[in-house]
Amino acid sequence: IAGIGPVLGERLSEKGFDKAYVLLGQFLILKKDEELFKDWLKETCGANSHQSGNCYSCLKEWCNSYI
């Protein structure tokens, strides 16, 4: 997923978000709300604004294409 490299991926995995579909689930639970998701990502794994923005955009584009 865009914005999630090895370090953030490891941090997310340690908190139970070990697969892309689990992260997508959290994105959907937060109702695809940009501010909520980016804040959650920053708090959960320490993502910066650029990383959280890239991750949000990636998940949003995927949802727009496939859901």
N, C-alpha and C. Protein backbone atom coordinates (compact mmCIF):
# COMPACT_ATOMS: atom_id res chain seq x y z
N ILE A 1 0.86 -1.18 0.00
CA ILE A 1 0.00 0.00 0.00
C ILE A 1 0.90 1.23 0.00
N ALA A 2 0.55 2.18 -0.83
CA ALA A 2 1.34 3.40 -0.91
C ALA A 2 1.47 4.05 0.46
N GLY A 3 2.65 4.56 0.75
CA GLY A 3 2.88 5.26 2.02
C GLY A 3 3.30 4.36 3.15
N ILE A 4 3.14 3.05 2.98
CA ILE A 4 3.48 2.11 4.05
C ILE A 4 4.73 1.33 3.64
N GLY A 5 5.83 1.69 4.23
CA GLY A 5 7.08 0.99 3.97
C GLY A 5 7.34 -0.08 5.01
N PRO A 6 8.55 -0.63 5.04
CA PRO A 6 8.87 -1.71 5.98
C PRO A 6 8.71 -1.33 7.45
N VAL A 7 9.11 -0.13 7.81
CA VAL A 7 9.04 0.28 9.22
C VAL A 7 7.58 0.43 9.67
N LEU A 8 6.80 1.19 8.91
CA LEU A 8 5.39 1.37 9.27
C LEU A 8 4.64 0.04 9.16
N GLY A 9 5.00 -0.75 8.17
CA GLY A 9 4.37 -2.06 8.00
C GLY A 9 4.59 -2.94 9.22
N GLU A 10 5.79 -2.92 9.76
CA GLU A 10 6.10 -3.71 10.95
C GLU A 10 5.31 -3.20 12.16
N ARG A 11 5.24 -1.89 12.29
CA ARG A 11 4.48 -1.31 13.41
C ARG A 11 3.00 -1.67 13.32
N LEU A 12 2.45 -1.60 12.11
CA LEU A 12 1.04 -1.97 11.92
C LEU A 12 0.84 -3.46 12.20
N SER A 13 1.76 -4.26 11.73
CA SER A 13 1.66 -5.71 11.94
C SER A 13 1.66 -6.05 13.43
N GLU A 14 2.48 -5.37 14.20
CA GLU A 14 2.54 -5.59 15.65
C GLU A 14 1.21 -5.26 16.33
N LYS A 15 0.44 -4.38 15.71
CA LYS A 15 -0.85 -3.98 16.29
C LYS A 15 -2.02 -4.74 15.68
N GLY A 16 -1.71 -5.79 14.88
CA GLY A 16 -2.77 -6.63 14.33
C GLY A 16 -3.18 -6.32 12.91
N PHE A 17 -2.58 -5.32 12.31
CA PHE A 17 -2.91 -4.93 10.94
C PHE A 17 -1.84 -5.51 10.01
N ASP A 18 -1.85 -6.85 9.90
CA ASP A 18 -0.78 -7.57 9.22
C ASP A 18 -1.04 -7.83 7.74
N LYS A 19 -2.21 -7.50 7.26
CA LYS A 19 -2.56 -7.70 5.86
C LYS A 19 -3.19 -6.42 5.32
N ALA A 20 -3.07 -6.23 4.02
CA ALA A 20 -3.64 -5.04 3.39
C ALA A 20 -5.15 -4.98 3.58
N TYR A 21 -5.81 -6.15 3.52
CA TYR A 21 -7.27 -6.14 3.66
C TYR A 21 -7.71 -5.78 5.08
N VAL A 22 -6.84 -6.01 6.07
CA VAL A 22 -7.17 -5.60 7.44
C VAL A 22 -7.11 -4.08 7.54
N LEU A 23 -6.10 -3.49 6.90
CA LEU A 23 -5.99 -2.03 6.88
C LEU A 23 -7.16 -1.42 6.10
N LEU A 24 -7.55 -2.06 5.01
CA LEU A 24 -8.72 -1.61 4.25
C LEU A 24 -9.97 -1.66 5.13
N GLY A 25 -10.09 -2.70 5.94
CA GLY A 25 -11.23 -2.81 6.85
C GLY A 25 -11.30 -1.64 7.81
N GLN A 26 -10.15 -1.25 8.35
CA GLN A 26 -10.12 -0.10 9.26
C GLN A 26 -10.52 1.17 8.52
N PHE A 27 -10.05 1.31 7.29
CA PHE A 27 -10.41 2.45 6.44
C PHE A 27 -11.93 2.51 6.27
N LEU A 28 -12.54 1.36 6.04
CA LEU A 28 -13.99 1.32 5.86
C LEU A 28 -14.73 1.54 7.17
N ILE A 29 -14.20 1.02 8.27
CA ILE A 29 -14.82 1.24 9.58
C ILE A 29 -14.87 2.73 9.89
N LEU A 30 -13.82 3.44 9.48
CA LEU A 30 -13.77 4.89 9.69
C LEU A 30 -14.53 5.65 8.61
N LYS A 31 -15.33 4.92 7.84
CA LYS A 31 -16.24 5.48 6.84
C LYS A 31 -15.52 6.29 5.76
N LYS A 32 -14.30 5.87 5.43
CA LYS A 32 -13.51 6.51 4.39
C LYS A 32 -13.27 7.99 4.66
N ASP A 33 -13.35 8.39 5.91
CA ASP A 33 -13.15 9.79 6.30
C ASP A 33 -11.64 10.10 6.32
N GLU A 34 -11.23 11.03 5.51
CA GLU A 34 -9.80 11.32 5.36
C GLU A 34 -9.14 11.74 6.66
N GLU A 35 -9.72 12.69 7.35
CA GLU A 35 -9.10 13.19 8.58
C GLU A 35 -9.03 12.11 9.65
N LEU A 36 -10.12 11.37 9.83
CA LEU A 36 -10.13 10.30 10.84
C LEU A 36 -9.09 9.23 10.53
N PHE A 37 -9.03 8.81 9.27
CA PHE A 37 -8.10 7.74 8.90
C PHE A 37 -6.65 8.20 9.05
N LYS A 38 -6.34 9.39 8.57
CA LYS A 38 -4.97 9.87 8.66
C LYS A 38 -4.55 10.06 10.12
N ASP A 39 -5.44 10.57 10.95
CA ASP A 39 -5.14 10.71 12.38
C ASP A 39 -4.93 9.35 13.03
N TRP A 40 -5.79 8.39 12.68
CA TRP A 40 -5.65 7.04 13.22
C TRP A 40 -4.30 6.44 12.82
N LEU A 41 -3.92 6.60 11.57
CA LEU A 41 -2.66 6.05 11.08
C LEU A 41 -1.47 6.69 11.78
N LYS A 42 -1.54 8.00 12.00
CA LYS A 42 -0.46 8.69 12.72
C LYS A 42 -0.34 8.18 14.14
N GLU A 43 -1.47 7.99 14.82
CA GLU A 43 -1.46 7.53 16.20
C GLU A 43 -1.05 6.06 16.31
N THR A 44 -1.46 5.26 15.36
CA THR A 44 -1.24 3.82 15.43
C THR A 44 0.19 3.42 15.09
N CYS A 45 0.77 4.04 14.06
CA CYS A 45 2.10 3.59 13.65
C CYS A 45 3.11 4.72 13.47
N GLY A 46 2.72 5.93 13.77
CA GLY A 46 3.65 7.05 13.67
C GLY A 46 3.87 7.57 12.26
N ALA A 47 2.91 7.34 11.37
CA ALA A 47 3.03 7.82 10.00
C ALA A 47 3.03 9.35 9.98
N ASN A 48 3.83 9.91 9.09
CA ASN A 48 3.81 11.36 8.95
C ASN A 48 2.69 11.76 7.99
N SER A 49 2.54 13.05 7.76
CA SER A 49 1.44 13.55 6.92
C SER A 49 1.53 13.04 5.49
N HIS A 50 2.73 12.98 4.95
CA HIS A 50 2.92 12.51 3.58
C HIS A 50 2.56 11.03 3.46
N GLN A 51 3.05 10.22 4.39
CA GLN A 51 2.78 8.78 4.37
C GLN A 51 1.29 8.50 4.56
N SER A 52 0.68 9.16 5.51
CA SER A 52 -0.74 8.91 5.77
C SER A 52 -1.59 9.39 4.60
N GLY A 53 -1.19 10.48 3.96
CA GLY A 53 -1.92 10.97 2.79
C GLY A 53 -1.82 10.00 1.62
N ASN A 54 -0.63 9.45 1.39
CA ASN A 54 -0.45 8.47 0.31
C ASN A 54 -1.27 7.21 0.57
N CYS A 55 -1.28 6.76 1.80
CA CYS A 55 -2.04 5.56 2.16
C CYS A 55 -3.53 5.80 1.97
N TYR A 56 -4.02 6.93 2.45
CA TYR A 56 -5.43 7.27 2.29
C TYR A 56 -5.81 7.31 0.81
N SER A 57 -5.01 8.00 0.01
CA SER A 57 -5.31 8.12 -1.43
C SER A 57 -5.33 6.75 -2.10
N CYS A 58 -4.40 5.90 -1.74
CA CYS A 58 -4.32 4.57 -2.32
C CYS A 58 -5.59 3.77 -2.01
N LEU A 59 -5.99 3.76 -0.75
CA LEU A 59 -7.17 3.00 -0.35
C LEU A 59 -8.44 3.60 -0.96
N LYS A 60 -8.51 4.91 -1.03
CA LYS A 60 -9.68 5.56 -1.62
C LYS A 60 -9.81 5.23 -3.10
N GLU A 61 -8.69 5.29 -3.83
CA GLU A 61 -8.71 4.96 -5.25
C GLU A 61 -9.13 3.50 -5.47
N TRP A 62 -8.61 2.61 -4.63
CA TRP A 62 -8.97 1.20 -4.76
C TRP A 62 -10.48 1.02 -4.55
N CYS A 63 -11.00 1.64 -3.50
CA CYS A 63 -12.44 1.54 -3.22
C CYS A 63 -13.27 2.12 -4.35
N ASN A 64 -12.85 3.25 -4.89
CA ASN A 64 -13.59 3.87 -5.99
C ASN A 64 -13.60 2.97 -7.23
N SER A 65 -12.55 2.20 -7.41
CA SER A 65 -12.46 1.32 -8.57
C SER A 65 -13.19 -0.01 -8.39
N TYR A 66 -13.21 -0.54 -7.17
CA TYR A 66 -13.68 -1.91 -6.97
C TYR A 66 -14.89 -2.08 -6.06
N ILE A 67 -15.28 -1.04 -5.36
CA ILE A 67 -16.44 -1.18 -4.45
C ILE A 67 -17.58 -0.31 -4.97
